[in-house]
Amino acid sequence: MNTLDLKGRVAVITGGAQGIGYATSERMLRSGASVVMWDIDAAKLEEAKASLGKLGKVSGYVVELTSDDAVGATTAQTIQDSGHIDILVNNAGITGGNGTTWDLDPEVWKRVIDVNLMAPYYTCRHITPHMVSRGWGRIVNIASVAGKEGNPNASHYSASKAGVIALTKSLAKEVATKGVLVNAVAPAAAKTAMFATMAQTHIDYMLSKIPMGRFVEVDEIAAMVSWLSSEDCSFTTGSVFDITGGRSTY
């Protein structure tokens, strides 16, 4: 595994206790960062802290990311405990299952928007000013190729990730001269716990769209996220980085 120099950096990773978030936490710890995982699952959080603790300084908070007040309080607590926040990875997300636009339950639609779009807005809202005050920061939002192309039977998920892409571009322009870079990663599907909430026909559809003929590995996503979080990424902001095995080439 190649590593980057993230020594002295403090990284907040939402949904950091599992899936893409766990892989990113591990990658950043191996690169010298201190990792702070924000997750709703207390048991998974404790397991992740125990398994990753040997790699470096790792801590975690149980937080309801869809609550602006909770995110604000956890931001303040993290800064108090860790001294500062240099990196924010907005990874936490849900799929909301599958169904046609007219069959999806409005409450499920709202929940997907709350977790996938409102939560990144809240974290950016509270953490970006802190980064600006320090003159350095990296924000990486986990979007999806669905946000660019729109997957059938997943309009709620696709819409939420399209919103994440737009948030990334807008925020990046607002802080472009402040030392804070904001980018997004748009992966194809990875085999994570999310697969359990999807119909097999939808999983088959996603695989059929990938020219390389396989799903992306979480470690491949983590590698890209880590580079975007480093000083090596110095003149790129507001961009969406595809990692789709050839599905999206624009």
Protein backbone atom coordinates (compact mmCIF):
# COMPACT_ATOMS: atom_id res chain seq x y z
CA MET A 1 0.00 0.00 0.00
CA ASN A 2 1.39 3.38 -1.01
CA THR A 3 1.00 6.06 1.65
CA LEU A 4 0.84 9.83 1.62
CA ASP A 5 2.21 12.25 4.17
CA LEU A 6 -0.73 13.17 6.38
CA LYS A 7 1.31 13.56 9.56
CA GLY A 8 -0.16 16.12 11.93
CA ARG A 9 -3.51 16.18 10.13
CA VAL A 10 -6.79 15.47 11.89
CA ALA A 11 -9.40 13.81 9.69
CA VAL A 12 -13.11 13.59 10.45
CA ILE A 13 -14.69 10.71 8.53
CA THR A 14 -18.46 10.30 8.67
CA GLY A 15 -19.65 6.73 8.55
CA GLY A 16 -16.06 5.90 9.35
CA ALA A 17 -16.73 2.63 11.15
CA GLN A 18 -17.62 0.53 8.11
CA GLY A 19 -17.38 0.15 4.36
CA ILE A 20 -15.70 2.96 2.43
CA GLY A 21 -15.37 4.98 5.63
CA TYR A 22 -13.49 2.22 7.43
CA ALA A 23 -11.13 1.71 4.49
CA THR A 24 -10.48 5.46 4.38
CA SER A 25 -9.88 5.58 8.12
CA GLU A 26 -7.33 2.78 7.81
CA ARG A 27 -5.60 4.38 4.84
CA MET A 28 -5.29 7.75 6.55
CA LEU A 29 -4.01 6.23 9.78
CA ARG A 30 -1.31 4.42 7.81
CA SER A 31 -0.41 7.78 6.26
CA GLY A 32 0.07 9.39 9.67
CA ALA A 33 -3.21 11.22 10.21
CA SER A 34 -5.22 11.20 13.41
CA VAL A 35 -8.67 9.88 12.55
CA VAL A 36 -11.95 10.86 14.16
CA MET A 37 -14.85 8.65 13.10
CA TRP A 38 -18.39 9.97 13.29
CA ASP A 39 -20.94 7.16 13.08
CA ILE A 40 -24.49 6.40 14.17
CA ASP A 41 -23.71 2.75 15.03
CA ALA A 42 -22.13 2.67 18.49
CA ALA A 43 -21.23 -1.02 18.34
CA LYS A 44 -19.55 -0.73 14.94
CA LEU A 45 -17.72 2.36 16.15
CA GLU A 46 -16.24 0.54 19.13
CA GLU A 47 -15.22 -2.39 16.92
CA ALA A 48 -13.53 -0.06 14.44
CA LYS A 49 -11.68 1.83 17.16
CA ALA A 50 -10.42 -1.45 18.61
CA SER A 51 -9.24 -2.85 15.28
CA LEU A 52 -7.68 0.38 13.99
CA GLY A 53 -6.15 1.59 17.25
CA LYS A 54 -2.87 -0.22 16.62
CA LEU A 55 -2.30 1.89 13.49
CA GLY A 56 -2.37 5.29 15.15
CA LYS A 57 -4.51 7.80 16.97
CA VAL A 58 -8.17 7.04 16.36
CA SER A 59 -11.24 8.25 18.19
CA GLY A 60 -14.95 8.29 17.54
CA TYR A 61 -18.26 9.90 18.36
CA VAL A 62 -21.78 8.59 18.01
CA VAL A 63 -23.63 11.35 16.17
CA GLU A 64 -26.95 11.75 14.37
CA LEU A 65 -25.69 13.45 11.24
CA THR A 66 -29.17 14.52 10.14
CA SER A 67 -29.38 16.88 13.13
CA ASP A 68 -27.78 20.28 12.62
CA ASP A 69 -27.55 20.76 16.39
CA ALA A 70 -25.87 17.38 16.90
CA VAL A 71 -23.34 18.05 14.15
CA GLY A 72 -22.58 21.48 15.59
CA ALA A 73 -22.05 20.07 19.07
CA THR A 74 -19.87 17.21 17.81
CA THR A 75 -17.78 19.63 15.74
CA ALA A 76 -17.10 21.72 18.83
CA GLN A 77 -16.28 18.61 20.90
CA THR A 78 -13.94 17.27 18.22
CA ILE A 79 -12.05 20.55 18.01
CA GLN A 80 -11.81 20.68 21.80
CA ASP A 81 -10.52 17.10 22.02
CA SER A 82 -8.28 17.01 18.91
CA GLY A 83 -7.22 20.65 18.69
CA HIS A 84 -8.35 21.21 15.11
CA ILE A 85 -9.89 19.61 12.03
CA ASP A 86 -7.92 19.55 8.77
CA ILE A 87 -9.79 16.99 6.69
CA LEU A 88 -13.49 16.21 6.33
CA VAL A 89 -14.68 13.15 4.45
CA ASN A 90 -18.45 13.07 4.01
CA ASN A 91 -18.97 9.36 3.51
CA ALA A 92 -22.06 8.34 5.51
CA GLY A 93 -24.95 7.36 3.29
CA ILE A 94 -27.89 5.04 2.64
CA THR A 95 -29.58 3.71 -0.50
CA GLY A 96 -33.20 3.64 0.61
CA GLY A 97 -33.94 0.48 -1.33
CA ASN A 98 -35.26 0.32 -4.87
CA GLY A 99 -38.50 1.25 -6.57
CA THR A 100 -39.93 3.42 -9.30
CA THR A 101 -40.23 7.10 -8.54
CA TRP A 102 -44.01 6.81 -8.10
CA ASP A 103 -43.78 3.77 -5.83
CA LEU A 104 -41.15 5.10 -3.44
CA ASP A 105 -42.47 6.08 -0.02
CA PRO A 106 -42.14 9.87 0.46
CA GLU A 107 -40.78 9.29 3.97
CA VAL A 108 -38.06 7.00 2.59
CA TRP A 109 -37.25 9.61 -0.05
CA LYS A 110 -36.92 12.27 2.66
CA ARG A 111 -34.73 10.04 4.81
CA VAL A 112 -32.34 9.42 1.89
CA ILE A 113 -32.09 13.16 1.23
CA ASP A 114 -31.54 13.83 4.94
CA VAL A 115 -28.71 11.31 5.30
CA ASN A 116 -27.04 11.70 1.92
CA LEU A 117 -27.40 15.45 1.32
CA MET A 118 -28.48 17.32 4.42
CA ALA A 119 -25.83 15.64 6.59
CA PRO A 120 -22.93 16.74 4.33
CA TYR A 121 -24.44 20.22 4.29
CA TYR A 122 -24.48 20.29 8.09
CA THR A 123 -20.90 19.06 8.43
CA CYS A 124 -19.66 21.54 5.81
CA ARG A 125 -21.65 24.31 7.47
CA HIS A 126 -19.97 23.77 10.82
CA ILE A 127 -16.46 22.65 9.83
CA THR A 128 -15.68 24.87 6.83
CA PRO A 129 -15.45 28.13 8.85
CA HIS A 130 -12.97 26.43 11.18
CA MET A 131 -10.83 25.37 8.21
CA VAL A 132 -11.02 28.86 6.71
CA SER A 133 -9.87 30.37 10.01
CA ARG A 134 -6.79 28.12 9.89
CA GLY A 135 -6.09 28.77 6.21
CA TRP A 136 -5.97 25.09 5.23
CA GLY A 137 -8.45 22.30 4.74
CA ARG A 138 -9.55 19.46 2.54
CA ILE A 139 -13.16 18.37 2.11
CA VAL A 140 -13.98 15.22 0.15
CA ASN A 141 -17.60 14.31 -0.48
CA ILE A 142 -18.52 10.77 -1.47
CA ALA A 143 -21.00 11.14 -4.32
CA SER A 144 -21.86 8.42 -6.85
CA VAL A 145 -22.02 7.82 -10.56
CA ALA A 146 -25.78 7.64 -9.93
CA GLY A 147 -25.64 11.36 -9.21
CA LYS A 148 -24.27 11.97 -12.70
CA GLU A 149 -26.30 9.48 -14.72
CA GLY A 150 -29.40 8.72 -12.66
CA ASN A 151 -29.99 5.05 -11.94
CA PRO A 152 -33.49 3.74 -12.67
CA ASN A 153 -35.44 2.58 -9.62
CA ALA A 154 -33.19 4.73 -7.43
CA SER A 155 -34.33 8.28 -8.11
CA HIS A 156 -34.11 9.23 -4.43
CA TYR A 157 -30.50 8.04 -4.15
CA SER A 158 -29.55 9.51 -7.54
CA ALA A 159 -31.07 12.88 -6.65
CA SER A 160 -29.29 12.97 -3.30
CA LYS A 161 -25.91 12.29 -4.89
CA ALA A 162 -26.53 14.85 -7.64
CA GLY A 163 -27.09 17.31 -4.80
CA VAL A 164 -23.77 16.32 -3.23
CA ILE A 165 -22.02 17.06 -6.52
CA ALA A 166 -23.65 20.49 -6.74
CA LEU A 167 -22.81 21.23 -3.09
CA THR A 168 -19.19 20.34 -3.80
CA LYS A 169 -18.93 22.70 -6.76
CA SER A 170 -20.65 25.61 -5.01
CA LEU A 171 -18.69 25.35 -1.76
CA ALA A 172 -15.40 24.95 -3.64
CA LYS A 173 -15.94 28.29 -5.37
CA GLU A 174 -16.83 30.00 -2.09
CA VAL A 175 -13.54 29.03 -0.42
CA ALA A 176 -11.23 28.81 -3.45
CA THR A 177 -8.93 31.55 -2.14
CA LYS A 178 -9.05 30.45 1.51
CA GLY A 179 -6.72 27.45 1.38
CA VAL A 180 -9.62 25.00 1.56
CA LEU A 181 -10.12 22.60 -1.35
CA VAL A 182 -13.41 20.79 -1.88
CA ASN A 183 -13.77 17.82 -4.21
CA ALA A 184 -16.04 14.84 -4.70
CA VAL A 185 -15.51 11.21 -5.60
CA ALA A 186 -18.15 9.50 -7.74
CA PRO A 187 -17.65 5.74 -7.48
CA ALA A 188 -19.44 2.91 -9.14
CA ALA A 189 -20.97 0.45 -6.70
CA ALA A 190 -18.76 -1.19 -4.08
CA LYS A 191 -19.70 -4.36 -2.21
CA THR A 192 -20.57 -2.90 1.18
CA ALA A 193 -23.41 -3.37 3.66
CA MET A 194 -25.53 -1.21 1.35
CA PHE A 195 -25.93 -4.18 -0.99
CA ALA A 196 -28.25 -5.79 1.56
CA THR A 197 -30.78 -3.00 0.96
CA MET A 198 -30.78 -3.35 -2.84
CA ALA A 199 -32.74 -5.64 -5.13
CA GLN A 200 -30.59 -8.23 -6.91
CA THR A 201 -31.88 -6.95 -10.25
CA HIS A 202 -30.53 -3.50 -9.37
CA ILE A 203 -27.15 -4.95 -8.38
CA ASP A 204 -27.01 -6.84 -11.66
CA TYR A 205 -27.92 -3.66 -13.56
CA MET A 206 -25.09 -1.71 -11.93
CA LEU A 207 -22.54 -4.41 -12.72
CA SER A 208 -23.69 -4.59 -16.33
CA LYS A 209 -22.86 -0.89 -16.78
CA ILE A 210 -19.19 -1.25 -15.75
CA PRO A 211 -16.87 -1.98 -18.72
CA MET A 212 -14.19 -3.46 -16.44
CA GLY A 213 -16.74 -6.08 -15.37
CA ARG A 214 -16.37 -5.81 -11.60
CA PHE A 215 -17.36 -3.65 -8.67
CA VAL A 216 -14.94 -1.11 -7.25
CA GLU A 217 -13.02 -2.11 -4.10
CA VAL A 218 -13.36 0.11 -1.04
CA ASP A 219 -9.56 0.36 -0.83
CA GLU A 220 -9.48 1.84 -4.33
CA ILE A 221 -11.88 4.56 -3.26
CA ALA A 222 -9.92 5.16 -0.06
CA ALA A 223 -6.72 5.69 -2.05
CA MET A 224 -8.33 8.41 -4.15
CA VAL A 225 -9.90 10.08 -1.11
CA SER A 226 -6.56 10.11 0.69
CA TRP A 227 -4.81 11.84 -2.21
CA LEU A 228 -7.56 14.46 -2.40
CA SER A 229 -7.04 15.04 1.34
CA SER A 230 -3.31 15.62 1.06
CA GLU A 231 -1.01 18.51 0.21
CA ASP A 232 -0.21 16.73 -3.05
CA CYS A 233 -3.67 17.82 -4.16
CA SER A 234 -2.93 21.53 -4.38
CA PHE A 235 -4.60 22.98 -7.51
CA THR A 236 -7.79 20.98 -7.82
CA THR A 237 -11.09 22.07 -6.31
CA GLY A 238 -14.73 21.73 -7.27
CA SER A 239 -13.97 18.59 -9.25
CA VAL A 240 -15.73 15.24 -9.37
CA PHE A 241 -13.36 12.28 -9.64
CA ASP A 242 -14.86 9.23 -11.30
CA ILE A 243 -13.85 5.78 -10.12
CA THR A 244 -16.27 3.73 -12.16
CA GLY A 245 -14.26 1.16 -14.11
CA GLY A 246 -15.00 2.99 -17.34
CA ARG A 247 -18.74 3.52 -16.88
CA SER A 248 -18.48 7.30 -16.77
CA THR A 249 -15.86 8.88 -19.04
CA TYR A 250 -16.91 12.54 -18.99
